[in-house]
C-alpha atoms as a PDB file:
ATOM      1  CA  MET A   1       7.290  -3.731  26.787  1.00  0.00           C
ATOM      2  CA  ARG A   2       6.722  -4.574  23.206  1.00  0.00           C
ATOM      3  CA  ARG A   3       4.840  -2.350  20.867  1.00  0.00           C
ATOM      4  CA  THR A   4       3.218  -5.301  19.385  1.00  0.00           C
ATOM      5  CA  LEU A   5       0.287  -4.108  17.395  1.00  0.00           C
ATOM      6  CA  LEU A   6       1.799  -1.084  15.824  1.00  0.00           C
ATOM      7  CA  GLY A   7       5.244  -2.552  15.614  1.00  0.00           C
ATOM      8  CA  MET A   8       4.144  -5.694  13.849  1.00  0.00           C
ATOM      9  CA  ILE A   9       2.141  -3.766  11.354  1.00  0.00           C
ATOM     10  CA  VAL A  10       4.985  -1.432  10.615  1.00  0.00           C
ATOM     11  CA  ALA A  11       7.674  -4.065  10.614  1.00  0.00           C
ATOM     12  CA  ALA A  12       5.810  -6.246   8.219  1.00  0.00           C
ATOM     13  CA  ALA A  13       5.109  -3.425   5.857  1.00  0.00           C
ATOM     14  CA  LEU A  14       8.588  -2.002   5.956  1.00  0.00           C
ATOM     15  CA  SER A  15      10.433  -5.149   5.114  1.00  0.00           C
ATOM     16  CA  ALA A  16      12.695  -4.700   2.132  1.00  0.00           C
ATOM     17  CA  GLY A  17      11.246  -5.812  -1.164  1.00  0.00           C
ATOM     18  CA  CYS A  18       7.770  -6.386   0.255  1.00  0.00           C
ATOM     19  CA  SER A  19       6.066  -3.236  -0.998  1.00  0.00           C
ATOM     20  CA  ASN A  20       4.071  -5.149  -3.620  1.00  0.00           C
ATOM     21  CA  LEU A  21       2.697  -7.484  -0.947  1.00  0.00           C
ATOM     22  CA  PHE A  22       0.658  -4.613   0.441  1.00  0.00           C
ATOM     23  CA  LYS A  23      -1.255  -3.874  -2.736  1.00  0.00           C
ATOM     24  CA  LEU A  24      -4.662  -5.238  -1.846  1.00  0.00           C
ATOM     25  CA  PRO A  25      -7.623  -5.436  -4.228  1.00  0.00           C
ATOM     26  CA  GLY A  26      -9.262  -2.034  -4.321  1.00  0.00           C
ATOM     27  CA  SER A  27      -6.224  -0.286  -2.827  1.00  0.00           C
ATOM     28  CA  PRO A  28      -4.609   2.760  -4.389  1.00  0.00           C
ATOM     29  CA  SER A  29      -2.819   2.203  -7.703  1.00  0.00           C
ATOM     30  CA  THR A  30       0.523   2.810  -5.998  1.00  0.00           C
ATOM     31  CA  PRO A  31       1.429  -0.102  -3.702  1.00  0.00           C
ATOM     32  CA  ALA A  32       1.956   0.653  -0.033  1.00  0.00           C
ATOM     33  CA  THR A  33       5.610   0.846   0.882  1.00  0.00           C
ATOM     34  CA  PRO A  34       7.167   0.069   4.239  1.00  0.00           C
ATOM     35  CA  GLU A  35       7.884   3.763   4.591  1.00  0.00           C
ATOM     36  CA  ALA A  36       4.141   4.439   4.260  1.00  0.00           C
ATOM     37  CA  MET A  37       3.506   2.427   7.414  1.00  0.00           C
ATOM     38  CA  THR A  38       5.887   4.304   9.691  1.00  0.00           C
ATOM     39  CA  GLY A  39       4.834   7.303  11.696  1.00  0.00           C
ATOM     40  CA  ALA A  40       1.874   8.218  13.874  1.00  0.00           C
ATOM     41  CA  TRP A  41      -1.575   6.594  13.466  1.00  0.00           C
ATOM     42  CA  THR A  42      -4.811   7.494  15.283  1.00  0.00           C
ATOM     43  CA  SER A  43      -8.229   5.851  15.785  1.00  0.00           C
ATOM     44  CA  LEU A  44     -10.963   7.115  13.458  1.00  0.00           C
ATOM     45  CA  ALA A  45     -13.909   6.965  15.838  1.00  0.00           C
ATOM     46  CA  PRO A  46     -14.283   6.250  19.552  1.00  0.00           C
ATOM     47  CA  SER A  47     -15.979   3.061  20.647  1.00  0.00           C
ATOM     48  CA  THR A  48     -18.965   3.150  22.965  1.00  0.00           C
ATOM     49  CA  GLN A  49     -18.581  -0.415  24.245  1.00  0.00           C
ATOM     50  CA  SER A  50     -17.477  -0.874  27.850  1.00  0.00           C
ATOM     51  CA  ASN A  51     -15.240  -3.921  27.326  1.00  0.00           C
ATOM     52  CA  THR A  52     -13.057  -2.346  24.672  1.00  0.00           C
ATOM     53  CA  CYS A  53     -10.287   0.184  24.116  1.00  0.00           C
ATOM     54  CA  THR A  54     -10.568   3.360  22.080  1.00  0.00           C
ATOM     55  CA  ASP A  55      -8.663   6.496  21.124  1.00  0.00           C
ATOM     56  CA  PHE A  56      -5.566   4.559  20.048  1.00  0.00           C
ATOM     57  CA  HIS A  57      -2.465   6.549  19.137  1.00  0.00           C
ATOM     58  CA  TRP A  58       0.224   4.329  17.591  1.00  0.00           C
ATOM     59  CA  THR A  59       3.712   5.282  16.511  1.00  0.00           C
ATOM     60  CA  ILE A  60       5.617   2.804  14.371  1.00  0.00           C
ATOM     61  CA  SER A  61       9.239   3.712  14.839  1.00  0.00           C
ATOM     62  CA  GLN A  62      11.451   0.638  14.309  1.00  0.00           C
ATOM     63  CA  LEU A  63      11.586  -1.691  11.317  1.00  0.00           C
ATOM     64  CA  SER A  64      13.879  -4.561  10.396  1.00  0.00           C
ATOM     65  CA  GLY A  65      13.074  -7.029   7.640  1.00  0.00           C
ATOM     66  CA  THR A  66       9.505  -8.226   8.187  1.00  0.00           C
ATOM     67  CA  THR A  67       9.301  -7.164  11.836  1.00  0.00           C
ATOM     68  CA  GLY A  68       8.564  -3.829  13.456  1.00  0.00           C
ATOM     69  CA  SER A  69       7.790  -2.167  16.754  1.00  0.00           C
ATOM     70  CA  GLY A  70       6.610   1.035  18.338  1.00  0.00           C
ATOM     71  CA  SER A  71       4.592   2.586  21.141  1.00  0.00           C
ATOM     72  CA  PHE A  72       0.924   3.324  21.749  1.00  0.00           C
ATOM     73  CA  THR A  73      -1.592   4.890  24.101  1.00  0.00           C
ATOM     74  CA  ALA A  74      -5.330   4.297  24.430  1.00  0.00           C
ATOM     75  CA  THR A  75      -8.262   4.393  26.836  1.00  0.00           C
ATOM     76  CA  CYS A  76      -9.696   1.030  27.913  1.00  0.00           C
ATOM     77  CA  MET A  77     -12.815   0.048  29.844  1.00  0.00           C
ATOM     78  CA  GLY A  78     -14.036   3.640  29.635  1.00  0.00           C
ATOM     79  CA  THR A  79     -11.602   5.253  32.094  1.00  0.00           C
ATOM     80  CA  MET A  80      -8.331   3.313  32.128  1.00  0.00           C
ATOM     81  CA  ALA A  81      -5.451   5.201  30.446  1.00  0.00           C
ATOM     82  CA  ILE A  82      -2.948   2.754  28.964  1.00  0.00           C
ATOM     83  CA  ALA A  83       0.531   3.158  27.498  1.00  0.00           C
ATOM     84  CA  GLY A  84       2.752   0.448  26.114  1.00  0.00           C
ATOM     85  CA  THR A  85       4.735  -1.060  23.298  1.00  0.00           C
ATOM     86  CA  ALA A  86       3.852  -3.358  20.422  1.00  0.00           C
ATOM     87  CA  SER A  87       5.686  -5.488  17.884  1.00  0.00           C
ATOM     88  CA  GLY A  88       4.638  -7.517  14.908  1.00  0.00           C
ATOM     89  CA  THR A  89       5.600  -9.661  11.948  1.00  0.00           C
ATOM     90  CA  LEU A  90       4.368  -9.275   8.379  1.00  0.00           C
ATOM     91  CA  THR A  91       3.249 -12.263   6.339  1.00  0.00           C
ATOM     92  CA  GLY A  92       1.731 -11.321   2.986  1.00  0.00           C
ATOM     93  CA  THR A  93      -0.624  -8.437   3.810  1.00  0.00           C
ATOM     94  CA  THR A  94      -1.291  -9.476   7.412  1.00  0.00           C
ATOM     95  CA  VAL A  95       0.591  -8.267  10.453  1.00  0.00           C
ATOM     96  CA  THR A  96       0.448 -10.591  13.446  1.00  0.00           C
ATOM     97  CA  TRP A  97       1.148  -8.513  16.549  1.00  0.00           C
ATOM     98  CA  THR A  98       1.336  -8.500  20.331  1.00  0.00           C
ATOM     99  CA  ALA A  99       1.423  -5.621  22.788  1.00  0.00           C
ATOM    100  CA  THR A 100       2.018  -5.058  26.460  1.00  0.00           C
ATOM    101  CA  ALA A 101       0.992  -1.996  28.412  1.00  0.00           C
ATOM    102  CA  THR A 102       0.331  -0.580  31.822  1.00  0.00           C
ATOM    103  CA  GLY A 103      -3.143   0.707  32.590  1.00  0.00           C
ATOM    104  CA  THR A 104      -3.918   3.337  35.211  1.00  0.00           C
ATOM    105  CA  SER A 105      -7.368   4.005  36.673  1.00  0.00           C
ATOM    106  CA  SER A 106      -8.369   5.584  39.997  1.00  0.00           C
ATOM    107  CA  GLY A 107      -4.753   5.642  41.152  1.00  0.00           C
ATOM    108  CA  ALA A 108      -4.199   1.909  40.633  1.00  0.00           C
ATOM    109  CA  SER A 109      -2.215   0.339  37.807  1.00  0.00           C
ATOM    110  CA  CYS A 110      -2.251  -3.059  36.156  1.00  0.00           C
ATOM    111  CA  ALA A 111      -0.667  -5.033  33.348  1.00  0.00           C
ATOM    112  CA  ILE A 112      -2.434  -5.279  29.981  1.00  0.00           C
ATOM    113  CA  ALA A 113      -1.757  -7.728  27.146  1.00  0.00           C
ATOM    114  CA  LEU A 114      -3.203  -7.352  23.628  1.00  0.00           C
ATOM    115  CA  ASN A 115      -2.804  -9.313  20.396  1.00  0.00           C
ATOM    116  CA  GLY A 116      -4.326  -9.746  16.976  1.00  0.00           C
ATOM    117  CA  SER A 117      -3.866  -9.742  13.205  1.00  0.00           C
ATOM    118  CA  ALA A 118      -4.049  -6.463  11.300  1.00  0.00           C
ATOM    119  CA  THR A 119      -4.305  -5.529   7.625  1.00  0.00           C
ATOM    120  CA  PHE A 120      -2.979  -2.439   5.833  1.00  0.00           C
ATOM    121  CA  ASP A 121      -4.588  -1.159   2.605  1.00  0.00           C
ATOM    122  CA  GLY A 122      -2.119   1.626   1.868  1.00  0.00           C
ATOM    123  CA  THR A 123      -4.059   4.343   3.696  1.00  0.00           C
ATOM    124  CA  GLN A 124      -5.271   2.756   6.933  1.00  0.00           C
ATOM    125  CA  PHE A 125      -4.835  -0.157   9.301  1.00  0.00           C
ATOM    126  CA  ARG A 126      -7.748  -2.387  10.325  1.00  0.00           C
ATOM    127  CA  ILE A 127      -6.764  -3.827  13.695  1.00  0.00           C
ATOM    128  CA  PRO A 128      -8.925  -6.463  15.376  1.00  0.00           C
ATOM    129  CA  TYR A 129      -7.628  -7.152  18.897  1.00  0.00           C
ATOM    130  CA  SER A 130      -8.324  -9.061  22.072  1.00  0.00           C
ATOM    131  CA  GLY A 131      -6.634  -9.091  25.421  1.00  0.00           C
ATOM    132  CA  THR A 132      -6.771  -8.977  29.178  1.00  0.00           C
ATOM    133  CA  THR A 133      -6.698  -6.280  31.864  1.00  0.00           C
ATOM    134  CA  CYS A 134      -7.076  -6.379  35.642  1.00  0.00           C
ATOM    135  CA  GLN A 135     -10.672  -5.245  35.025  1.00  0.00           C
ATOM    136  CA  GLY A 136     -11.461  -8.156  32.708  1.00  0.00           C
ATOM    137  CA  PRO A 137     -11.167  -9.214  29.050  1.00  0.00           C
ATOM    138  CA  ILE A 138     -11.254  -6.670  26.215  1.00  0.00           C
ATOM    139  CA  SER A 139     -11.737  -6.943  22.470  1.00  0.00           C
ATOM    140  CA  GLY A 140     -12.619  -4.793  19.512  1.00  0.00           C
ATOM    141  CA  VAL A 141     -11.633  -3.530  16.086  1.00  0.00           C
ATOM    142  CA  GLU A 142      -9.873  -0.227  15.474  1.00  0.00           C
ATOM    143  CA  ILE A 143      -9.334   1.598  12.199  1.00  0.00           C
ATOM    144  CA  LEU A 144      -6.215   3.776  12.312  1.00  0.00           C
ATOM    145  CA  ARG A 145      -5.219   6.550   9.897  1.00  0.00           C
ATOM    146  CA  LYS A 146      -2.468   9.155   9.768  1.00  0.00           C
END
């Protein structure tokens, strides 16, 4: 499984010599460094929508150049616990990512695929996503902070 979302975000940010690419307008005076993107990130607020995922916990653990990867957990469709991996690629200040996971609900499991483009402002990730589960399509936007 690929830790697409988190991994892409981290990998893109951690690429050597790219720290100035992450200084967005209105961001802190110190540019975000790749090292700032690694580690554990958590959703700010739970979603109340039924066709979405919430309570994301991402860990960006591997970086190489402009790519990265890691693992994540979340709750989708209200009751489905998911766990998977994500990876991504950094271009400018945007991380294009993909993720695969396995969801478990009521004793049954199914494959989940997510993707999107995320931005990092030095203190948080804004991660719009869309994807599919065995219970139907999902989409949303998560804000993750350390």
